[in-house]
Structure formats: C-alpha cells, structure tokens
Amino acid sequence: MLYHFLLPLRDWFSGFNLLRYITFRGGAAAVLALIITFWIAPGLIRWLRRMQLGEKITERGPSSHKTKKGTPTMGGTIILLAVVLPTVLLARLDQPYVLMVLFALIWMGLIGFLDDYLKVVRGLPDGLIARYKLAGQISLGVIIGGWLYFWPAIPEIRSAIAIPFMANGSLDLGVLYIPFVVFVITATSNAVNITDGLDGLATGLMAVAVLAIGAIAYLMGRVDFSDYLNIFYLPGAGEMFIFAMALLGACIGFLWFNAKPAEVFMGDTGSLAMGAALGAMAVVLKQEILLVIVGGMFVAEVLSVIIQVAGFKLTKRLKGEGRRIFRMAPLHHHFELSGWPESRVVVRFWILGILMAMLSLTSFKVL
C-alpha cells in the first residue's frame, strides 16, 4: 500500500525512493512484524488468562505435558496480525502471488481459529470435525491450484514443477497439477500442525523454512539471478519476499513468548495458517519438491505418525498384537520419552531444520 501511495512522491522526498527496493521493504516488514508482536502479545496473553482460554492437555500426550494445562492458547492471532499488516503496507498489492499467500494464511487462520474456539471456548475435545477441516484445506488447494493453472503468469509453465539439483529441470503434471497442489497445501498445513507439540518447536522451524523460501522467492523474481542459477524466472515473485520476511519477524517475536516455558501457544490458528502459507509459497514458486528438503523436519514428523500407525496395524494383523515403532508419535514425543529434556529436543530439531534449509539452497546450479 505504501509502495503505491508514497513511491510516486519520490520527486518531492527522495527517501521514498527506497520503496523501490524489495530488500528494503522486506527488512522493514520483518522489523514491523516484530514490533507488532511485542506490542500486542502481552495484552492478548493477559486477556486470554483472564478469560481462562487455556490449553486442554489430552491423555494421549506425555504425562510431563500436564503441567502446561491452562497455558493461554489461540496465540496464532498474534502471528496473523503481525504478518498481514506489514505485508499489506509494504508489498505491491497489484502482484497476484503475494495475494495468494496472504489468502492462504487468512483462510486457514480462520479455520484454525474456529477449531481453537470450539475446543477452548465451547469445550469440544476434538474441536472442528476433521472432515470439515480437511474440506477447508482442499478448497484452498483447489482455489490456488485453479488460479495458477487457469490464469498463469507464464502459460508455458502453468502445470510444471521444478526438479531440484537439475539446471532448469522441470516436470509437467498436466491435468494432475491441481490435485497435486491440493495435496501439497493440505500436507504442509497438517505437517506444521502436527509439529506444534513442544514449546517453540514449530515456531523456530517455521522461521528457518520461511527464510529459505523467502530467499528463493527473491532469486526467482530477478531475471539476472534466475538466469545465472538456471531456475524459473517468475515476474513478481520477489514480492513474496516481503511476506516471508513479515512471517519471519512474526515468528521471532512470537518465539519470545512461546519459548520454554511458553507463556502462550499458537494453537491451530497459527499452525494451520503458517503451514498453508508455506505450502502456498512453494506451490507458487514451483518448488514443491524442494519443500520436502526445506521443511524436512516437518516431513519427518508426519512420516513418524504414518509409520507408527501403519506399523501398529500391520503387526496387529500379522501377530495379533499391535507393536509401536516409536515410543510415541509424532517424533518429538519419541525423543522426550527417551529421556531428552524438552529444550534439547527443540534445539536439536532447530539445528536439523537449519541444515535442511542450507541443503535446499545448494540445489541450484548443480548441473
């Protein structure tokens, strides 16, 4: 918004000329998101405590988590506000890509908020019925997939996805593109939601992943860098760098209150929304396969649940008694029950997340 209003006035004040630069607007978005988080979080946390809108701990998790009962939740609203406001103010709103990821964040944020509301306020143990939540994720995938397929910025790559570690490598999915987009966005949204089980875990991993994806968006939005790295050039993709930096700032700010011992949990409001936004960014950038590396720890968490359930059912069928592969799924609970302190699990997962993000950035200009 400020880009459209203030840049034309650069002849009267040369300082407005800075708005031309994506790096300046990205840095400003990160700082503004951080400030907004620090500003609104304390008051919201006090209000949530006063209203007794605290986390309800189920018996399915580790017994050590019972001490977290009553911790204010629905803190994802802090992240949403801290991302949306800087993005609207500093990004070019005439670029469809940034509007797509904003739409994904808000869409799943509303669904997550409804889920948290039903659990915390209305007292429904499972919150929003799973099929309704899945319907919201699928609808979002159909909208974004259809948008990219029927109104592509570059028709030649409308249904293509990039192949990492190959110069200009791509695979055209044709009519399968929209179902593939649905799968990516749904899977990513649920993966972040599953990972949000320890203080600061999902927040820190999201900060790392979005920083890597934001860097890729910046590179793909510049014709010189994309040509040098032999990757797709997407005009306007650089504007998603502003969104990514706003989300990075919001995650860092939220981590101040979410680190152990957490003063507030993001709830499904934050985890579903951030996961959908991360998946939408990867889809827009044609980096769906690379997302598996960028968000490798999210993938590991989901796979641990799948392996646990499949292994239990298989052993029950073969031996008459189900056996668990892990002490508990998702994976972070396995290490908790193996004797690792919660803070050690979180920091080591962060380290692995950083390594995965760094590995993803080595995938360009390999062959």
Protein backbone atom coordinates (compact mmCIF):
# COMPACT_ATOMS: atom_id res chain seq x y z
CA MET A 1 0.00 0.00 0.00
CA LEU A 2 2.80 2.43 0.92
CA TYR A 3 4.55 1.46 -2.31
CA HIS A 4 1.58 2.65 -4.35
CA PHE A 5 0.94 5.81 -2.30
CA LEU A 6 4.43 7.06 -1.47
CA LEU A 7 6.67 5.98 -4.34
CA PRO A 8 5.05 8.45 -6.78
CA LEU A 9 6.06 11.22 -4.33
CA ARG A 10 9.78 10.44 -4.56
CA ASP A 11 10.36 13.61 -6.59
CA TRP A 12 9.28 15.64 -3.53
CA PHE A 13 11.08 13.46 -0.99
CA SER A 14 13.94 11.28 -2.20
CA GLY A 15 13.66 8.96 0.80
CA PHE A 16 10.52 7.42 -0.68
CA ASN A 17 12.74 6.04 -3.44
CA LEU A 18 13.79 3.29 -1.00
CA LEU A 19 10.38 1.68 -1.53
CA ARG A 20 11.58 0.61 -4.97
CA TYR A 21 13.86 -1.97 -3.37
CA ILE A 22 12.44 -5.31 -2.29
CA THR A 23 15.27 -5.82 0.20
CA PHE A 24 14.39 -2.57 2.00
CA ARG A 25 10.70 -3.39 2.12
CA GLY A 26 11.47 -6.95 3.24
CA GLY A 27 13.68 -5.79 6.08
CA ALA A 28 11.10 -3.18 7.09
CA ALA A 29 8.37 -5.85 7.06
CA ALA A 30 10.40 -8.10 9.37
CA VAL A 31 11.09 -5.29 11.84
CA LEU A 32 7.48 -4.06 11.76
CA ALA A 33 6.14 -7.59 12.32
CA LEU A 34 8.50 -7.99 15.28
CA ILE A 35 7.36 -4.67 16.78
CA ILE A 36 3.68 -5.53 16.30
CA THR A 37 4.20 -8.89 18.01
CA PHE A 38 5.96 -7.32 21.01
CA TRP A 39 3.25 -4.68 21.19
CA ILE A 40 0.11 -6.81 21.12
CA ALA A 41 1.27 -10.11 22.64
CA PRO A 42 1.47 -9.10 26.34
CA GLY A 43 -2.01 -7.60 26.35
CA LEU A 44 -3.54 -10.53 24.47
CA ILE A 45 -1.87 -13.05 26.78
CA ARG A 46 -3.28 -11.24 29.83
CA TRP A 47 -6.73 -11.19 28.23
CA LEU A 48 -6.57 -14.91 27.40
CA ARG A 49 -5.59 -15.68 31.00
CA ARG A 50 -8.40 -13.51 32.34
CA MET A 51 -10.91 -15.25 30.09
CA GLN A 52 -9.40 -18.64 31.07
CA LEU A 53 -8.85 -19.58 27.44
CA GLY A 54 -6.13 -22.10 28.22
CA GLU A 55 -4.81 -25.27 26.59
CA LYS A 56 -6.56 -28.50 27.49
CA ILE A 57 -3.99 -31.32 27.67
CA THR A 58 -5.22 -34.71 26.45
CA GLU A 59 -4.18 -38.08 27.87
CA ARG A 60 -2.64 -39.01 24.51
CA GLY A 61 0.49 -36.92 25.09
CA PRO A 62 3.41 -37.41 27.52
CA SER A 63 2.46 -37.08 31.18
CA SER A 64 5.06 -34.32 31.61
CA HIS A 65 2.87 -32.05 29.48
CA LYS A 66 0.13 -31.94 32.12
CA THR A 67 1.96 -29.02 33.73
CA LYS A 68 1.13 -26.99 30.60
CA LYS A 69 -2.59 -27.22 31.23
CA GLY A 70 -4.18 -23.79 31.26
CA THR A 71 -1.46 -22.06 29.26
CA PRO A 72 -3.19 -19.44 27.07
CA THR A 73 -3.75 -20.63 23.50
CA MET A 74 -5.09 -19.12 20.26
CA GLY A 75 -1.91 -17.03 20.15
CA GLY A 76 -1.78 -17.60 16.41
CA THR A 77 -3.91 -14.48 16.10
CA ILE A 78 -0.79 -12.52 17.11
CA ILE A 79 1.13 -14.04 14.21
CA LEU A 80 -1.68 -13.38 11.73
CA LEU A 81 -1.91 -9.70 12.65
CA ALA A 82 1.86 -9.31 12.66
CA VAL A 83 2.11 -10.78 9.15
CA VAL A 84 -0.92 -9.30 7.43
CA LEU A 85 -0.39 -5.66 8.45
CA PRO A 86 3.27 -5.32 7.29
CA THR A 87 2.54 -7.25 4.09
CA VAL A 88 -0.43 -5.04 3.19
CA LEU A 89 1.57 -1.91 3.99
CA LEU A 90 4.85 -2.79 2.25
CA ALA A 91 4.14 -5.30 -0.54
CA ARG A 92 2.88 -4.47 -4.01
CA LEU A 93 -0.75 -5.47 -3.91
CA ASP A 94 -1.02 -5.49 -7.69
CA GLN A 95 1.06 -8.69 -7.77
CA PRO A 96 -1.11 -11.83 -7.60
CA TYR A 97 1.49 -14.07 -5.98
CA VAL A 98 1.62 -12.18 -2.71
CA LEU A 99 -2.18 -12.03 -2.65
CA MET A 100 -2.32 -15.82 -3.00
CA VAL A 101 -0.12 -16.50 0.01
CA LEU A 102 -1.93 -13.86 2.05
CA PHE A 103 -5.22 -15.51 1.13
CA ALA A 104 -3.86 -18.91 2.18
CA LEU A 105 -2.70 -17.54 5.55
CA ILE A 106 -6.01 -15.84 6.31
CA TRP A 107 -8.19 -18.69 5.00
CA MET A 108 -6.56 -21.37 7.15
CA GLY A 109 -6.15 -18.92 10.01
CA LEU A 110 -9.93 -18.55 10.16
CA ILE A 111 -10.43 -22.32 10.03
CA GLY A 112 -7.81 -22.80 12.75
CA PHE A 113 -9.44 -20.09 14.85
CA LEU A 114 -12.79 -21.86 14.57
CA ASP A 115 -11.12 -25.12 15.61
CA ASP A 116 -9.48 -23.47 18.64
CA TYR A 117 -12.73 -21.70 19.55
CA LEU A 118 -14.69 -24.94 19.57
CA LYS A 119 -12.05 -26.66 21.70
CA VAL A 120 -11.25 -23.91 24.18
CA VAL A 121 -14.46 -21.89 24.43
CA ARG A 122 -17.16 -24.43 23.61
CA GLY A 123 -15.36 -27.32 25.28
CA LEU A 124 -15.48 -29.76 22.36
CA PRO A 125 -12.48 -32.09 22.85
CA ASP A 126 -11.74 -32.54 19.14
CA GLY A 127 -12.70 -29.03 18.04
CA LEU A 128 -13.73 -28.71 14.42
CA ILE A 129 -14.70 -32.05 12.89
CA ALA A 130 -11.78 -33.42 10.90
CA ARG A 131 -13.67 -33.68 7.62
CA TYR A 132 -14.68 -30.01 7.81
CA LYS A 133 -11.08 -29.01 8.46
CA LEU A 134 -9.96 -31.18 5.54
CA ALA A 135 -12.67 -29.64 3.35
CA GLY A 136 -11.26 -26.20 4.11
CA GLN A 137 -7.73 -27.30 3.19
CA ILE A 138 -8.87 -28.97 -0.02
CA SER A 139 -10.92 -25.92 -1.00
CA LEU A 140 -7.90 -23.70 -0.51
CA GLY A 141 -5.77 -26.01 -2.66
CA VAL A 142 -8.38 -26.04 -5.42
CA ILE A 143 -8.62 -22.23 -5.41
CA ILE A 144 -4.85 -21.66 -5.56
CA GLY A 145 -4.25 -24.53 -7.99
CA GLY A 146 -7.03 -23.32 -10.27
CA TRP A 147 -5.75 -19.75 -10.05
CA LEU A 148 -2.26 -20.79 -11.13
CA TYR A 149 -3.49 -23.19 -13.82
CA PHE A 150 -6.19 -21.10 -15.50
CA TRP A 151 -4.62 -17.65 -15.03
CA PRO A 152 -0.86 -18.31 -15.10
CA ALA A 153 1.69 -15.51 -15.27
CA ILE A 154 3.72 -17.69 -17.66
CA PRO A 155 1.44 -20.08 -19.61
CA GLU A 156 4.35 -22.30 -20.67
CA ILE A 157 4.92 -23.48 -17.08
CA ARG A 158 1.34 -23.39 -15.80
CA SER A 159 1.38 -27.06 -14.73
CA ALA A 160 5.13 -27.55 -14.31
CA ILE A 161 7.06 -28.17 -11.11
CA ALA A 162 10.79 -27.66 -10.68
CA ILE A 163 13.16 -30.60 -10.20
CA PRO A 164 15.90 -29.79 -7.66
CA PHE A 165 19.58 -30.36 -8.44
CA MET A 166 18.92 -30.09 -12.19
CA ALA A 167 19.55 -26.93 -14.21
CA ASN A 168 16.15 -25.76 -15.47
CA GLY A 169 14.79 -29.18 -14.56
CA SER A 170 11.02 -29.45 -14.59
CA LEU A 171 8.17 -31.92 -14.80
CA ASP A 172 4.83 -31.07 -16.40
CA LEU A 173 1.94 -32.61 -14.48
CA GLY A 174 -0.78 -31.58 -16.92
CA VAL A 175 -4.28 -32.24 -15.58
CA LEU A 176 -2.84 -33.65 -12.36
CA TYR A 177 -1.47 -30.25 -11.37
CA ILE A 178 -4.47 -29.01 -9.37
CA PRO A 179 -4.82 -32.27 -7.34
CA PHE A 180 -1.07 -32.07 -6.69
CA VAL A 181 -1.43 -28.51 -5.37
CA VAL A 182 -4.27 -29.66 -3.11
CA PHE A 183 -2.05 -32.41 -1.73
CA VAL A 184 0.93 -30.11 -1.11
CA ILE A 185 -1.04 -27.40 0.70
CA THR A 186 -3.07 -29.87 2.76
CA ALA A 187 0.00 -31.91 3.70
CA THR A 188 2.08 -28.86 4.65
CA SER A 189 -0.70 -27.34 6.73
CA ASN A 190 -1.19 -30.58 8.65
CA ALA A 191 2.56 -31.17 9.00
CA VAL A 192 3.13 -27.87 10.79
CA ASN A 193 0.06 -28.55 12.93
CA ILE A 194 1.45 -31.95 13.97
CA THR A 195 4.88 -30.46 14.74
CA ASP A 196 3.38 -27.87 17.09
CA GLY A 197 3.71 -30.04 20.19
CA LEU A 198 6.65 -28.57 22.13
CA ASP A 199 7.35 -25.05 23.31
CA GLY A 200 8.88 -23.11 20.41
CA LEU A 201 9.39 -26.13 18.15
CA ALA A 202 7.08 -25.29 15.23
CA THR A 203 7.74 -21.55 15.57
CA GLY A 204 11.51 -21.93 15.23
CA LEU A 205 11.31 -24.45 12.39
CA MET A 206 8.87 -22.21 10.53
CA ALA A 207 11.23 -19.23 10.88
CA VAL A 208 14.03 -21.26 9.29
CA ALA A 209 11.88 -22.65 6.49
CA VAL A 210 10.26 -19.34 5.57
CA LEU A 211 13.66 -17.63 5.48
CA ALA A 212 14.86 -20.19 2.91
CA ILE A 213 11.68 -19.97 0.84
CA GLY A 214 11.79 -16.18 1.01
CA ALA A 215 15.35 -16.19 -0.33
CA ILE A 216 14.25 -18.43 -3.20
CA ALA A 217 11.35 -16.09 -3.97
CA TYR A 218 13.76 -13.15 -4.16
CA LEU A 219 16.09 -15.04 -6.50
CA MET A 220 13.27 -16.22 -8.78
CA GLY A 221 11.87 -12.71 -9.01
CA ARG A 222 15.08 -11.35 -10.51
CA VAL A 223 15.90 -12.12 -14.12
CA ASP A 224 19.66 -11.87 -13.56
CA PHE A 225 19.83 -14.25 -10.59
CA SER A 226 17.35 -16.75 -12.03
CA ASP A 227 19.27 -16.85 -15.30
CA TYR A 228 22.58 -17.37 -13.52
CA LEU A 229 21.18 -20.12 -11.27
CA ASN A 230 19.28 -21.83 -14.12
CA ILE A 231 15.92 -21.66 -12.35
CA PHE A 232 12.49 -20.39 -13.35
CA TYR A 233 12.11 -16.63 -13.63
CA LEU A 234 8.75 -15.56 -12.21
CA PRO A 235 7.99 -11.84 -12.60
CA GLY A 236 6.56 -10.51 -9.37
CA ALA A 237 7.67 -13.48 -7.27
CA GLY A 238 10.05 -11.22 -5.38
CA GLU A 239 7.10 -9.59 -3.64
CA MET A 240 6.64 -12.81 -1.67
CA PHE A 241 9.99 -11.99 -0.07
CA ILE A 242 8.17 -9.20 1.82
CA PHE A 243 5.55 -11.69 3.03
CA ALA A 244 8.26 -14.16 4.02
CA MET A 245 10.17 -11.53 5.99
CA ALA A 246 6.98 -10.43 7.75
CA LEU A 247 6.33 -14.06 8.72
CA LEU A 248 9.95 -14.42 9.85
CA GLY A 249 9.65 -11.33 12.07
CA ALA A 250 6.35 -12.56 13.48
CA CYS A 251 7.84 -15.99 14.28
CA ILE A 252 10.86 -14.48 16.03
CA GLY A 253 8.63 -12.14 18.02
CA PHE A 254 6.22 -14.93 18.93
CA LEU A 255 9.13 -17.15 19.96
CA TRP A 256 9.91 -14.63 22.69
CA PHE A 257 6.65 -15.65 24.37
CA ASN A 258 6.47 -19.24 23.07
CA ALA A 259 9.92 -20.47 24.14
CA LYS A 260 10.01 -22.84 27.13
CA PRO A 261 8.27 -22.29 29.43
CA ALA A 262 5.70 -20.98 26.96
CA GLU A 263 3.51 -18.07 28.02
CA VAL A 264 1.18 -18.71 25.08
CA PHE A 265 0.55 -21.39 22.47
CA MET A 266 -0.23 -20.56 18.85
CA GLY A 267 -2.95 -23.20 18.59
CA ASP A 268 -4.40 -24.32 15.28
CA THR A 269 -4.97 -20.66 14.44
CA GLY A 270 -1.24 -20.27 13.91
CA SER A 271 -0.03 -23.73 12.91
CA LEU A 272 -2.64 -24.44 10.21
CA ALA A 273 -2.29 -20.92 8.79
CA MET A 274 1.51 -20.88 8.67
CA GLY A 275 1.65 -24.37 7.19
CA ALA A 276 -0.81 -23.41 4.45
CA ALA A 277 1.15 -20.23 3.70
CA LEU A 278 4.43 -22.16 3.47
CA GLY A 279 2.84 -24.69 1.14
CA ALA A 280 1.28 -21.94 -0.97
CA MET A 281 4.64 -20.19 -1.34
CA ALA A 282 6.27 -23.42 -2.52
CA VAL A 283 3.44 -24.02 -5.00
CA VAL A 284 3.61 -20.51 -6.44
CA LEU A 285 7.39 -20.80 -6.82
CA LYS A 286 7.10 -24.26 -8.42
CA GLN A 287 9.33 -25.59 -5.62
CA GLU A 288 7.00 -28.25 -4.25
CA ILE A 289 9.68 -30.98 -4.35
CA LEU A 290 12.30 -28.71 -2.78
CA LEU A 291 9.82 -28.04 0.03
CA VAL A 292 10.41 -31.62 1.17
CA ILE A 293 14.01 -30.61 1.91
CA VAL A 294 13.31 -27.08 3.18
CA GLY A 295 10.70 -28.42 5.60
CA GLY A 296 12.47 -31.71 6.20
CA MET A 297 11.70 -31.77 9.92
CA PHE A 298 8.00 -31.22 9.25
CA VAL A 299 8.15 -34.16 6.83
CA ALA A 300 9.91 -36.31 9.44
CA GLU A 301 7.19 -35.55 11.98
CA VAL A 302 4.43 -36.59 9.58
CA LEU A 303 6.27 -39.73 8.47
CA SER A 304 6.73 -40.77 12.10
CA VAL A 305 2.95 -40.68 12.59
CA ILE A 306 2.32 -42.62 9.37
CA ILE A 307 4.96 -45.23 10.24
CA GLN A 308 3.62 -45.58 13.78
CA VAL A 309 0.03 -46.15 12.67
CA ALA A 310 0.95 -48.43 9.73
CA GLY A 311 3.39 -50.47 11.83
CA PHE A 312 0.88 -50.92 14.63
CA LYS A 313 -1.87 -52.09 12.26
CA LEU A 314 0.48 -54.39 10.34
CA THR A 315 1.89 -56.12 13.42
CA LYS A 316 -1.60 -56.49 14.87
CA ARG A 317 -2.73 -58.19 11.68
CA LEU A 318 0.31 -60.47 11.46
CA LYS A 319 0.94 -61.24 15.14
CA GLY A 320 -2.39 -60.47 16.75
CA GLU A 321 -0.86 -57.74 18.89
CA GLY A 322 -0.01 -54.27 17.66
CA ARG A 323 3.53 -53.02 18.28
CA ARG A 324 4.75 -49.46 18.15
CA ILE A 325 7.82 -48.44 16.19
CA PHE A 326 8.35 -45.28 18.25
CA ARG A 327 7.75 -44.75 21.95
CA MET A 328 5.19 -42.16 20.88
CA ALA A 329 4.41 -40.23 17.70
CA PRO A 330 5.00 -37.57 16.44
CA LEU A 331 8.77 -37.91 16.51
CA HIS A 332 9.43 -35.18 19.09
CA HIS A 333 7.46 -37.15 21.69
CA HIS A 334 9.61 -40.23 20.99
CA PHE A 335 12.76 -38.36 21.99
CA GLU A 336 11.01 -36.85 25.01
CA LEU A 337 10.11 -40.31 26.27
CA SER A 338 13.65 -41.46 25.50
CA GLY A 339 14.88 -39.11 28.22
CA TRP A 340 15.76 -35.96 26.28
CA PRO A 341 14.73 -32.72 28.01
CA GLU A 342 12.16 -30.76 26.01
CA SER A 343 14.57 -27.91 25.35
CA ARG A 344 17.16 -30.33 23.94
CA VAL A 345 14.62 -31.84 21.54
CA VAL A 346 13.58 -28.38 20.34
CA VAL A 347 17.10 -27.01 19.81
CA ARG A 348 18.34 -30.16 18.05
CA PHE A 349 15.32 -30.14 15.76
CA TRP A 350 16.06 -26.48 15.01
CA ILE A 351 19.66 -27.38 14.14
CA LEU A 352 18.50 -30.12 11.79
CA GLY A 353 15.99 -27.70 10.27
CA ILE A 354 18.77 -25.19 9.60
CA LEU A 355 20.88 -27.89 7.96
CA MET A 356 17.96 -28.93 5.74
CA ALA A 357 17.33 -25.32 4.71
CA MET A 358 21.01 -24.85 3.87
CA LEU A 359 20.97 -28.06 1.84
CA SER A 360 17.97 -26.79 -0.14
CA LEU A 361 19.86 -23.66 -1.17
CA THR A 362 22.69 -25.80 -2.60
CA SER A 363 20.28 -27.37 -5.08
CA PHE A 364 20.62 -24.53 -7.62
CA LYS A 365 23.11 -24.51 -10.48
CA VAL A 366 24.33 -28.03 -9.77
CA LEU A 367 24.11 -29.45 -13.30
